Amino acid sequence: QTPLNISGFGFPSFSADGSLFYQKRRETYYIAGYDLSTSVGTSIYPVIESEFSNKYPTYSEVSQELAYLSNESGYYEVWLSDIYGSNRRQLTNLKKNAKYPLWSNNGKKLVFASAISKSENEIYVYNSVTKKINRLNITLDKFGRPTWHPNNKDLVIRLNVAGKRELYLLDTNTLMTKKVTDNNGRFGYMDSDKILVYVDNKKELYKVDINEPHMPVKLLDRKQFGTRYGWSIHNHEVYFKSGDKAGDSIKRFNIGKKLLTDILYVPTISILDSEPFSMIPLHKKLLFTKSLSEQSNINQLHHPLFN
């Protein structure tokens, strides 16, 4: 067997003369925004859109910088820009795919991850004050996406311990861990110093006191919530992507009032539920990843095996 290493390869077919043709699919992502400040419905608008894919936005209100992933260099590296998508600059040069960038609450640290292999991953932290990127002295197997504790030191991250995956606090200084869920926690954000809001494997939304992980409170069931990563939390409100076969919608859930509100409906399935949302509080704008229409081309394979 000889691997061809062709991304988007599909539907191969031989012609009468023995030439091999195939369909190559390409899907491009862009960072979109939606204005929450008006009661009148407004359109989704592009924040960062190019011939390359741009995704996974995270905004720091303190540094007023937008971090995101772009494959402009050939890999998904971490890039920075202002809130308008201008003054773009490449932050990392890993020469491999980065993933899961997220600013800390104080805007001084940006966490992101990268895979060493299919079974090994590493975590990096960028310090916006020193402009240095440090790799944590820890190598993990498949782990969940990290989010920050309000102390700007601990990460909430899904780890596999003794064969069971749960959410833990990981101290980025000491690398000590503390389990904070006990019902298959998948991904979550701290809503305060003690309260964690998270989703489980069933795509149901919970909250729990991290000092009492065995006492979770269900907020929304799968039918009401139904996403693992397509959400974020701001000022005790959860913004999340919902949808059906006809299209996508963005909803808001007020945790204290237990109030669920429809914000936006898009009659196409294009908002990625594998990517979280990010809020720009001062401008009351919500950022998320959206896909452009998938493009397909028919190509002839030029390879020694077929020449």
C-alpha atoms as a PDB file:
ATOM      1  CA  GLN A   1       0.000   0.000   0.000  1.00  0.00           C
ATOM      2  CA  THR A   2       1.205   3.485  -0.903  1.00  0.00           C
ATOM      3  CA  PRO A   3      -0.435   6.498   0.792  1.00  0.00           C
ATOM      4  CA  LEU A   4      -1.337   9.272  -1.669  1.00  0.00           C
ATOM      5  CA  ASN A   5      -1.632  12.012   0.978  1.00  0.00           C
ATOM      6  CA  ILE A   6      -4.207  14.039  -0.956  1.00  0.00           C
ATOM      7  CA  SER A   7      -6.531  16.156   1.174  1.00  0.00           C
ATOM      8  CA  GLY A   8     -10.177  16.177   0.131  1.00  0.00           C
ATOM      9  CA  PHE A   9      -9.710  13.077  -2.060  1.00  0.00           C
ATOM     10  CA  GLY A  10     -12.936  11.312  -3.028  1.00  0.00           C
ATOM     11  CA  PHE A  11     -14.871   9.403  -5.681  1.00  0.00           C
ATOM     12  CA  PRO A  12     -11.922   8.065  -7.754  1.00  0.00           C
ATOM     13  CA  SER A  13     -12.702   6.839 -11.282  1.00  0.00           C
ATOM     14  CA  PHE A  14     -10.587   5.459 -14.143  1.00  0.00           C
ATOM     15  CA  SER A  15     -11.042   6.695 -17.695  1.00  0.00           C
ATOM     16  CA  ALA A  16     -10.880   4.475 -20.793  1.00  0.00           C
ATOM     17  CA  ASP A  17      -7.136   5.129 -21.215  1.00  0.00           C
ATOM     18  CA  GLY A  18      -6.387   4.174 -17.602  1.00  0.00           C
ATOM     19  CA  SER A  19      -6.037   7.707 -16.203  1.00  0.00           C
ATOM     20  CA  LEU A  20      -7.311   8.225 -12.676  1.00  0.00           C
ATOM     21  CA  PHE A  21      -9.601  11.151 -11.933  1.00  0.00           C
ATOM     22  CA  TYR A  22     -10.947  12.151  -8.527  1.00  0.00           C
ATOM     23  CA  GLN A  23     -13.100  14.739  -6.842  1.00  0.00           C
ATOM     24  CA  LYS A  24     -11.339  17.142  -4.509  1.00  0.00           C
ATOM     25  CA  ARG A  25     -13.517  18.931  -1.994  1.00  0.00           C
ATOM     26  CA  ARG A  26     -12.528  22.139  -0.256  1.00  0.00           C
ATOM     27  CA  GLU A  27     -14.461  23.899   2.469  1.00  0.00           C
ATOM     28  CA  THR A  28     -13.413  27.360   3.577  1.00  0.00           C
ATOM     29  CA  TYR A  29     -14.226  28.852   6.976  1.00  0.00           C
ATOM     30  CA  TYR A  30     -14.387  32.480   7.989  1.00  0.00           C
ATOM     31  CA  ILE A  31     -14.894  34.384  11.226  1.00  0.00           C
ATOM     32  CA  ALA A  32     -18.283  36.045  11.345  1.00  0.00           C
ATOM     33  CA  GLY A  33     -19.879  38.565  13.661  1.00  0.00           C
ATOM     34  CA  TYR A  34     -23.390  39.432  14.786  1.00  0.00           C
ATOM     35  CA  ASP A  35     -24.488  42.681  16.455  1.00  0.00           C
ATOM     36  CA  LEU A  36     -26.404  42.067  19.700  1.00  0.00           C
ATOM     37  CA  SER A  37     -26.911  45.760  20.481  1.00  0.00           C
ATOM     38  CA  THR A  38     -30.023  46.254  18.378  1.00  0.00           C
ATOM     39  CA  SER A  39     -33.458  44.720  18.727  1.00  0.00           C
ATOM     40  CA  VAL A  40     -33.895  44.915  14.967  1.00  0.00           C
ATOM     41  CA  GLY A  41     -32.591  41.816  13.193  1.00  0.00           C
ATOM     42  CA  THR A  42     -29.243  42.458  11.536  1.00  0.00           C
ATOM     43  CA  SER A  43     -27.238  40.328   9.183  1.00  0.00           C
ATOM     44  CA  ILE A  44     -24.210  38.212   9.929  1.00  0.00           C
ATOM     45  CA  TYR A  45     -21.123  39.968   8.605  1.00  0.00           C
ATOM     46  CA  PRO A  46     -17.575  38.749   7.900  1.00  0.00           C
ATOM     47  CA  VAL A  47     -14.846  39.814  10.328  1.00  0.00           C
ATOM     48  CA  ILE A  48     -11.963  37.842   8.837  1.00  0.00           C
ATOM     49  CA  GLU A  49     -12.577  36.330   5.406  1.00  0.00           C
ATOM     50  CA  SER A  50     -10.013  35.371   2.772  1.00  0.00           C
ATOM     51  CA  GLU A  51      -9.130  32.619   0.314  1.00  0.00           C
ATOM     52  CA  PHE A  52      -7.781  30.721   3.331  1.00  0.00           C
ATOM     53  CA  SER A  53      -9.687  29.240   6.254  1.00  0.00           C
ATOM     54  CA  ASN A  54      -9.976  31.332   9.425  1.00  0.00           C
ATOM     55  CA  LYS A  55     -11.707  29.934  12.511  1.00  0.00           C
ATOM     56  CA  TYR A  56     -11.877  29.560  16.307  1.00  0.00           C
ATOM     57  CA  PRO A  57     -12.024  33.265  17.347  1.00  0.00           C
ATOM     58  CA  THR A  58     -11.278  34.354  20.908  1.00  0.00           C
ATOM     59  CA  TYR A  59     -11.323  38.003  21.961  1.00  0.00           C
ATOM     60  CA  SER A  60      -9.514  39.682  24.850  1.00  0.00           C
ATOM     61  CA  GLU A  61     -11.345  42.716  26.202  1.00  0.00           C
ATOM     62  CA  VAL A  62      -8.210  43.740  28.099  1.00  0.00           C
ATOM     63  CA  SER A  63      -5.659  43.637  25.271  1.00  0.00           C
ATOM     64  CA  GLN A  64      -8.371  44.310  22.655  1.00  0.00           C
ATOM     65  CA  GLU A  65      -6.896  41.597  20.473  1.00  0.00           C
ATOM     66  CA  LEU A  66      -8.600  38.867  18.531  1.00  0.00           C
ATOM     67  CA  ALA A  67      -6.766  35.530  18.365  1.00  0.00           C
ATOM     68  CA  TYR A  68      -7.817  32.889  15.862  1.00  0.00           C
ATOM     69  CA  LEU A  69      -6.581  30.025  13.707  1.00  0.00           C
ATOM     70  CA  SER A  70      -5.665  30.478  10.047  1.00  0.00           C
ATOM     71  CA  ASN A  71      -4.157  28.057   7.528  1.00  0.00           C
ATOM     72  CA  GLU A  72      -2.618  30.848   5.468  1.00  0.00           C
ATOM     73  CA  SER A  73       0.883  29.471   6.127  1.00  0.00           C
ATOM     74  CA  GLY A  74      -0.107  25.925   5.150  1.00  0.00           C
ATOM     75  CA  TYR A  75      -0.879  24.946   8.744  1.00  0.00           C
ATOM     76  CA  TYR A  76      -3.482  26.178  11.221  1.00  0.00           C
ATOM     77  CA  GLU A  77      -1.256  28.576  13.146  1.00  0.00           C
ATOM     78  CA  VAL A  78      -2.391  31.144  15.737  1.00  0.00           C
ATOM     79  CA  TRP A  79      -2.856  34.668  14.393  1.00  0.00           C
ATOM     80  CA  LEU A  80      -3.735  37.993  16.044  1.00  0.00           C
ATOM     81  CA  SER A  81      -5.712  40.996  14.811  1.00  0.00           C
ATOM     82  CA  ASP A  82      -7.771  43.903  16.108  1.00  0.00           C
ATOM     83  CA  ILE A  83     -11.537  43.594  16.601  1.00  0.00           C
ATOM     84  CA  TYR A  84     -12.169  44.599  12.978  1.00  0.00           C
ATOM     85  CA  GLY A  85      -9.938  41.857  11.571  1.00  0.00           C
ATOM     86  CA  SER A  86      -7.247  44.385  10.587  1.00  0.00           C
ATOM     87  CA  ASN A  87      -3.557  44.529  11.590  1.00  0.00           C
ATOM     88  CA  ARG A  88      -3.320  40.756  11.156  1.00  0.00           C
ATOM     89  CA  ARG A  89      -0.094  39.049  12.187  1.00  0.00           C
ATOM     90  CA  GLN A  90       1.015  35.471  12.647  1.00  0.00           C
ATOM     91  CA  LEU A  91       1.802  34.640  16.272  1.00  0.00           C
ATOM     92  CA  THR A  92       3.050  31.052  16.071  1.00  0.00           C
ATOM     93  CA  ASN A  93       5.378  29.277  13.676  1.00  0.00           C
ATOM     94  CA  LEU A  94       4.905  25.695  14.829  1.00  0.00           C
ATOM     95  CA  LYS A  95       4.822  24.325  11.272  1.00  0.00           C
ATOM     96  CA  LYS A  96       2.001  22.067  12.421  1.00  0.00           C
ATOM     97  CA  ASN A  97      -1.624  22.614  13.306  1.00  0.00           C
ATOM     98  CA  ALA A  98      -2.449  24.554  16.457  1.00  0.00           C
ATOM     99  CA  LYS A  99      -5.875  24.260  18.064  1.00  0.00           C
ATOM    100  CA  TYR A 100      -8.161  25.572  20.822  1.00  0.00           C
ATOM    101  CA  PRO A 101      -6.822  29.132  21.401  1.00  0.00           C
ATOM    102  CA  LEU A 102      -8.429  31.015  24.298  1.00  0.00           C
ATOM    103  CA  TRP A 103      -7.539  34.240  26.109  1.00  0.00           C
ATOM    104  CA  SER A 104      -7.416  34.308  29.904  1.00  0.00           C
ATOM    105  CA  ASN A 105      -9.747  36.683  31.768  1.00  0.00           C
ATOM    106  CA  ASN A 106      -6.987  39.223  32.405  1.00  0.00           C
ATOM    107  CA  GLY A 107      -5.966  39.226  28.739  1.00  0.00           C
ATOM    108  CA  LYS A 108      -2.339  38.448  29.558  1.00  0.00           C
ATOM    109  CA  LYS A 109      -2.289  34.775  28.587  1.00  0.00           C
ATOM    110  CA  LEU A 110      -3.409  32.844  25.552  1.00  0.00           C
ATOM    111  CA  VAL A 111      -3.604  29.072  25.815  1.00  0.00           C
ATOM    112  CA  PHE A 112      -3.562  26.801  22.775  1.00  0.00           C
ATOM    113  CA  ALA A 113      -2.657  23.219  21.979  1.00  0.00           C
ATOM    114  CA  SER A 114      -0.988  21.177  19.274  1.00  0.00           C
ATOM    115  CA  ALA A 115      -0.679  17.478  18.524  1.00  0.00           C
ATOM    116  CA  ILE A 116       2.680  15.704  18.676  1.00  0.00           C
ATOM    117  CA  SER A 117       1.106  12.548  17.275  1.00  0.00           C
ATOM    118  CA  LYS A 118      -2.335  10.956  17.069  1.00  0.00           C
ATOM    119  CA  SER A 119      -2.086  10.027  20.750  1.00  0.00           C
ATOM    120  CA  GLU A 120       0.101  12.785  22.225  1.00  0.00           C
ATOM    121  CA  ASN A 121      -0.684  16.470  22.670  1.00  0.00           C
ATOM    122  CA  GLU A 122       1.046  19.471  24.177  1.00  0.00           C
ATOM    123  CA  ILE A 123      -0.218  22.736  25.657  1.00  0.00           C
ATOM    124  CA  TYR A 124       1.301  26.180  25.100  1.00  0.00           C
ATOM    125  CA  VAL A 125       0.719  29.504  26.863  1.00  0.00           C
ATOM    126  CA  TYR A 126       1.522  32.825  25.193  1.00  0.00           C
ATOM    127  CA  ASN A 127       2.257  35.741  27.546  1.00  0.00           C
ATOM    128  CA  SER A 128       1.141  39.023  25.948  1.00  0.00           C
ATOM    129  CA  VAL A 129       3.335  41.026  28.345  1.00  0.00           C
ATOM    130  CA  THR A 130       6.641  39.243  27.729  1.00  0.00           C
ATOM    131  CA  LYS A 131       5.646  38.206  24.174  1.00  0.00           C
ATOM    132  CA  LYS A 132       6.965  34.726  24.918  1.00  0.00           C
ATOM    133  CA  ILE A 133       5.378  31.339  24.225  1.00  0.00           C
ATOM    134  CA  ASN A 134       6.018  28.600  26.766  1.00  0.00           C
ATOM    135  CA  ARG A 135       5.161  24.938  26.446  1.00  0.00           C
ATOM    136  CA  LEU A 136       3.838  23.321  29.603  1.00  0.00           C
ATOM    137  CA  ASN A 137       6.088  20.529  30.807  1.00  0.00           C
ATOM    138  CA  ILE A 138       3.389  17.926  30.332  1.00  0.00           C
ATOM    139  CA  THR A 139       2.410  15.611  27.497  1.00  0.00           C
ATOM    140  CA  LEU A 140      -1.169  14.399  27.414  1.00  0.00           C
ATOM    141  CA  ASP A 141      -3.114  11.788  25.506  1.00  0.00           C
ATOM    142  CA  LYS A 142      -6.362  12.837  23.885  1.00  0.00           C
ATOM    143  CA  PHE A 143      -7.694  15.639  26.070  1.00  0.00           C
ATOM    144  CA  GLY A 144     -10.514  18.133  26.002  1.00  0.00           C
ATOM    145  CA  ARG A 145     -10.354  21.759  25.010  1.00  0.00           C
ATOM    146  CA  PRO A 146      -8.891  23.975  27.744  1.00  0.00           C
ATOM    147  CA  THR A 147     -10.676  27.020  29.172  1.00  0.00           C
ATOM    148  CA  TRP A 148      -9.481  29.395  31.884  1.00  0.00           C
ATOM    149  CA  HIS A 149     -10.398  29.676  35.540  1.00  0.00           C
ATOM    150  CA  PRO A 150     -10.922  33.328  36.647  1.00  0.00           C
ATOM    151  CA  ASN A 151      -7.658  33.096  38.607  1.00  0.00           C
ATOM    152  CA  ASN A 152      -5.841  33.165  35.213  1.00  0.00           C
ATOM    153  CA  LYS A 153      -3.679  30.287  36.398  1.00  0.00           C
ATOM    154  CA  ASP A 154      -5.775  27.138  36.256  1.00  0.00           C
ATOM    155  CA  LEU A 155      -7.234  25.508  33.163  1.00  0.00           C
ATOM    156  CA  VAL A 156     -10.491  23.571  32.982  1.00  0.00           C
ATOM    157  CA  ILE A 157      -9.631  20.589  30.829  1.00  0.00           C
ATOM    158  CA  ARG A 158     -10.964  17.109  30.131  1.00  0.00           C
ATOM    159  CA  LEU A 159      -8.496  14.404  31.128  1.00  0.00           C
ATOM    160  CA  ASN A 160      -8.452  10.630  31.076  1.00  0.00           C
ATOM    161  CA  VAL A 161      -7.618   9.379  34.570  1.00  0.00           C
ATOM    162  CA  ALA A 162      -7.798   5.668  35.358  1.00  0.00           C
ATOM    163  CA  GLY A 163      -9.806   5.041  32.204  1.00  0.00           C
ATOM    164  CA  LYS A 164     -12.502   7.643  32.947  1.00  0.00           C
ATOM    165  CA  ARG A 165     -12.734  11.045  31.269  1.00  0.00           C
ATOM    166  CA  GLU A 166     -13.857  13.995  33.386  1.00  0.00           C
ATOM    167  CA  LEU A 167     -13.203  17.724  33.661  1.00  0.00           C
ATOM    168  CA  TYR A 168     -10.289  18.742  35.878  1.00  0.00           C
ATOM    169  CA  LEU A 169      -8.573  21.916  37.005  1.00  0.00           C
ATOM    170  CA  LEU A 170      -4.966  21.907  35.816  1.00  0.00           C
ATOM    171  CA  ASP A 171      -2.598  24.351  37.553  1.00  0.00           C
ATOM    172  CA  THR A 172      -0.352  25.729  34.787  1.00  0.00           C
ATOM    173  CA  ASN A 173       2.414  26.428  37.322  1.00  0.00           C
ATOM    174  CA  THR A 174       2.528  23.225  39.369  1.00  0.00           C
ATOM    175  CA  LEU A 175       0.687  20.913  36.910  1.00  0.00           C
ATOM    176  CA  MET A 176      -1.391  19.630  39.844  1.00  0.00           C
ATOM    177  CA  THR A 177      -4.936  18.533  38.988  1.00  0.00           C
ATOM    178  CA  LYS A 178      -8.317  18.525  40.747  1.00  0.00           C
ATOM    179  CA  LYS A 179     -11.412  16.707  39.450  1.00  0.00           C
ATOM    180  CA  VAL A 180     -14.404  19.051  39.104  1.00  0.00           C
ATOM    181  CA  THR A 181     -17.096  16.876  37.426  1.00  0.00           C
ATOM    182  CA  ASP A 182     -18.380  13.408  38.126  1.00  0.00           C
ATOM    183  CA  ASN A 183     -20.899  12.726  35.334  1.00  0.00           C
ATOM    184  CA  ASN A 184     -18.830  12.565  32.130  1.00  0.00           C
ATOM    185  CA  GLY A 185     -18.070  16.275  31.876  1.00  0.00           C
ATOM    186  CA  ARG A 186     -16.964  17.114  28.340  1.00  0.00           C
ATOM    187  CA  PHE A 187     -16.320  20.863  27.986  1.00  0.00           C
ATOM    188  CA  GLY A 188     -17.035  23.845  30.180  1.00  0.00           C
ATOM    189  CA  TYR A 189     -16.446  27.424  31.313  1.00  0.00           C
ATOM    190  CA  MET A 190     -16.133  28.851  34.793  1.00  0.00           C
ATOM    191  CA  ASP A 191     -19.057  31.201  35.488  1.00  0.00           C
ATOM    192  CA  SER A 192     -17.425  32.342  38.748  1.00  0.00           C
ATOM    193  CA  ASP A 193     -14.571  31.265  41.004  1.00  0.00           C
ATOM    194  CA  LYS A 194     -16.562  28.225  42.147  1.00  0.00           C
ATOM    195  CA  ILE A 195     -19.307  27.581  39.592  1.00  0.00           C
ATOM    196  CA  LEU A 196     -18.545  25.594  36.462  1.00  0.00           C
ATOM    197  CA  VAL A 197     -21.019  25.472  33.564  1.00  0.00           C
ATOM    198  CA  TYR A 198     -20.374  22.489  31.337  1.00  0.00           C
ATOM    199  CA  VAL A 199     -21.763  20.021  28.832  1.00  0.00           C
ATOM    200  CA  ASP A 200     -21.645  16.243  29.223  1.00  0.00           C
ATOM    201  CA  ASN A 201     -21.352  13.466  26.629  1.00  0.00           C
ATOM    202  CA  LYS A 202     -25.116  13.597  26.045  1.00  0.00           C
ATOM    203  CA  LYS A 203     -24.899  17.281  25.047  1.00  0.00           C
ATOM    204  CA  GLU A 204     -26.845  18.365  28.124  1.00  0.00           C
ATOM    205  CA  LEU A 205     -25.899  21.543  29.985  1.00  0.00           C
ATOM    206  CA  TYR A 206     -25.075  21.512  33.715  1.00  0.00           C
ATOM    207  CA  LYS A 207     -23.643  23.696  36.425  1.00  0.00           C
ATOM    208  CA  VAL A 208     -21.735  22.506  39.494  1.00  0.00           C
ATOM    209  CA  ASP A 209     -19.781  23.824  42.439  1.00  0.00           C
ATOM    210  CA  ILE A 210     -16.240  22.619  41.705  1.00  0.00           C
ATOM    211  CA  ASN A 211     -15.824  21.736  45.385  1.00  0.00           C
ATOM    212  CA  GLU A 212     -18.826  19.397  45.148  1.00  0.00           C
ATOM    213  CA  PRO A 213     -18.493  17.721  41.730  1.00  0.00           C
ATOM    214  CA  HIS A 214     -20.932  14.957  42.691  1.00  0.00           C
ATOM    215  CA  MET A 215     -23.840  17.447  42.931  1.00  0.00           C
ATOM    216  CA  PRO A 216     -24.455  18.826  39.407  1.00  0.00           C
ATOM    217  CA  VAL A 217     -27.606  20.734  38.463  1.00  0.00           C
ATOM    218  CA  LYS A 218     -29.062  20.232  34.983  1.00  0.00           C
ATOM    219  CA  LEU A 219     -29.774  23.496  33.153  1.00  0.00           C
ATOM    220  CA  LEU A 220     -30.837  22.339  29.672  1.00  0.00           C
ATOM    221  CA  ASP A 221     -31.474  18.879  28.264  1.00  0.00           C
ATOM    222  CA  ARG A 222     -30.191  17.579  24.924  1.00  0.00           C
ATOM    223  CA  LYS A 223     -33.298  18.678  23.019  1.00  0.00           C
ATOM    224  CA  GLN A 224     -32.917  22.240  24.343  1.00  0.00           C
ATOM    225  CA  PHE A 225     -29.099  22.478  24.068  1.00  0.00           C
ATOM    226  CA  GLY A 226     -27.653  19.740  21.876  1.00  0.00           C
ATOM    227  CA  THR A 227     -24.106  20.971  21.225  1.00  0.00           C
ATOM    228  CA  ARG A 228     -20.722  20.098  22.717  1.00  0.00           C
ATOM    229  CA  TYR A 229     -18.505  22.989  21.668  1.00  0.00           C
ATOM    230  CA  GLY A 230     -20.627  25.545  19.792  1.00  0.00           C
ATOM    231  CA  TRP A 231     -21.219  27.843  22.755  1.00  0.00           C
ATOM    232  CA  SER A 232     -19.686  30.297  25.212  1.00  0.00           C
ATOM    233  CA  ILE A 233     -20.648  32.097  28.406  1.00  0.00           C
ATOM    234  CA  HIS A 234     -20.646  35.797  29.270  1.00  0.00           C
ATOM    235  CA  ASN A 235     -22.127  37.580  32.307  1.00  0.00           C
ATOM    236  CA  HIS A 236     -23.999  34.457  33.445  1.00  0.00           C
ATOM    237  CA  GLU A 237     -25.575  33.979  30.015  1.00  0.00           C
ATOM    238  CA  VAL A 238     -24.878  31.084  27.655  1.00  0.00           C
ATOM    239  CA  TYR A 239     -24.811  31.777  23.921  1.00  0.00           C
ATOM    240  CA  PHE A 240     -25.045  28.650  21.807  1.00  0.00           C
ATOM    241  CA  LYS A 241     -25.674  27.260  18.350  1.00  0.00           C
ATOM    242  CA  SER A 242     -28.796  25.223  17.778  1.00  0.00           C
ATOM    243  CA  GLY A 243     -30.247  23.913  14.568  1.00  0.00           C
ATOM    244  CA  ASP A 244     -32.164  21.403  12.513  1.00  0.00           C
ATOM    245  CA  LYS A 245     -32.067  20.101   8.952  1.00  0.00           C
ATOM    246  CA  ALA A 246     -33.447  23.401   7.657  1.00  0.00           C
ATOM    247  CA  GLY A 247     -30.982  25.815   9.217  1.00  0.00           C
ATOM    248  CA  ASP A 248     -29.080  27.177  12.208  1.00  0.00           C
ATOM    249  CA  SER A 249     -30.091  29.387  15.083  1.00  0.00           C
ATOM    250  CA  ILE A 250     -28.249  31.185  17.878  1.00  0.00           C
ATOM    251  CA  LYS A 251     -29.884  31.196  21.298  1.00  0.00           C
ATOM    252  CA  ARG A 252     -29.202  32.783  24.683  1.00  0.00           C
ATOM    253  CA  PHE A 253     -29.857  31.173  28.041  1.00  0.00           C
ATOM    254  CA  ASN A 254     -29.896  33.301  31.199  1.00  0.00           C
ATOM    255  CA  ILE A 255     -28.716  30.975  33.982  1.00  0.00           C
ATOM    256  CA  GLY A 256     -30.162  32.951  36.888  1.00  0.00           C
ATOM    257  CA  LYS A 257     -33.576  33.600  35.314  1.00  0.00           C
ATOM    258  CA  LYS A 258     -33.635  30.235  33.498  1.00  0.00           C
ATOM    259  CA  LEU A 259     -34.772  32.160  30.431  1.00  0.00           C
ATOM    260  CA  LEU A 260     -34.149  30.831  26.910  1.00  0.00           C
ATOM    261  CA  THR A 261     -34.267  33.364  24.057  1.00  0.00           C
ATOM    262  CA  ASP A 262     -33.928  33.040  20.280  1.00  0.00           C
ATOM    263  CA  ILE A 263     -31.450  35.572  18.880  1.00  0.00           C
ATOM    264  CA  LEU A 264     -30.898  34.695  15.238  1.00  0.00           C
ATOM    265  CA  TYR A 265     -32.049  32.182  12.642  1.00  0.00           C
ATOM    266  CA  VAL A 266     -30.073  31.363   9.485  1.00  0.00           C
ATOM    267  CA  PRO A 267     -31.895  29.262   6.852  1.00  0.00           C
ATOM    268  CA  THR A 268     -28.739  27.341   5.960  1.00  0.00           C
ATOM    269  CA  ILE A 269     -26.566  24.991   7.973  1.00  0.00           C
ATOM    270  CA  SER A 270     -23.337  26.968   8.094  1.00  0.00           C
ATOM    271  CA  ILE A 271     -22.492  27.895  11.716  1.00  0.00           C
ATOM    272  CA  LEU A 272     -19.938  25.404  13.026  1.00  0.00           C
ATOM    273  CA  ASP A 273     -21.002  23.704  16.245  1.00  0.00           C
ATOM    274  CA  SER A 274     -17.485  22.324  16.629  1.00  0.00           C
ATOM    275  CA  GLU A 275     -16.153  25.851  17.277  1.00  0.00           C
ATOM    276  CA  PRO A 276     -16.976  28.024  20.322  1.00  0.00           C
ATOM    277  CA  PHE A 277     -18.378  31.558  20.312  1.00  0.00           C
ATOM    278  CA  SER A 278     -16.584  34.655  21.588  1.00  0.00           C
ATOM    279  CA  MET A 279     -18.043  37.922  22.884  1.00  0.00           C
ATOM    280  CA  ILE A 280     -16.828  41.492  22.299  1.00  0.00           C
ATOM    281  CA  PRO A 281     -18.562  43.076  25.329  1.00  0.00           C
ATOM    282  CA  LEU A 282     -17.887  46.766  24.647  1.00  0.00           C
ATOM    283  CA  HIS A 283     -19.301  46.532  21.136  1.00  0.00           C
ATOM    284  CA  LYS A 284     -21.917  43.880  22.037  1.00  0.00           C
ATOM    285  CA  LYS A 285     -20.866  41.654  19.194  1.00  0.00           C
ATOM    286  CA  LEU A 286     -20.809  37.881  19.052  1.00  0.00           C
ATOM    287  CA  LEU A 287     -18.102  36.126  17.023  1.00  0.00           C
ATOM    288  CA  PHE A 288     -18.239  32.591  15.654  1.00  0.00           C
ATOM    289  CA  THR A 289     -16.981  30.394  12.808  1.00  0.00           C
ATOM    290  CA  LYS A 290     -19.050  30.098   9.648  1.00  0.00           C
ATOM    291  CA  SER A 291     -18.465  27.967   6.554  1.00  0.00           C
ATOM    292  CA  LEU A 292     -18.651  29.096   2.964  1.00  0.00           C
ATOM    293  CA  SER A 293     -20.229  26.869   0.343  1.00  0.00           C
ATOM    294  CA  GLU A 294     -18.221  23.719  -0.226  1.00  0.00           C
ATOM    295  CA  GLN A 295     -16.278  23.720  -3.500  1.00  0.00           C
ATOM    296  CA  SER A 296     -15.547  20.611  -5.570  1.00  0.00           C
ATOM    297  CA  ASN A 297     -13.224  20.128  -8.519  1.00  0.00           C
ATOM    298  CA  ILE A 298     -12.446  17.138 -10.748  1.00  0.00           C
ATOM    299  CA  ASN A 299      -8.681  16.561 -10.951  1.00  0.00           C
ATOM    300  CA  GLN A 300      -6.478  14.059 -12.721  1.00  0.00           C
ATOM    301  CA  LEU A 301      -4.037  12.236 -10.473  1.00  0.00           C
ATOM    302  CA  HIS A 302      -0.441  12.513 -11.628  1.00  0.00           C
ATOM    303  CA  HIS A 303       1.483   9.854  -9.746  1.00  0.00           C
ATOM    304  CA  PRO A 304       4.197   7.315 -10.736  1.00  0.00           C
ATOM    305  CA  LEU A 305       1.765   4.483  -9.963  1.00  0.00           C
ATOM    306  CA  PHE A 306      -0.582   5.707 -12.697  1.00  0.00           C
ATOM    307  CA  ASN A 307       1.892   6.893 -15.328  1.00  0.00           C
END
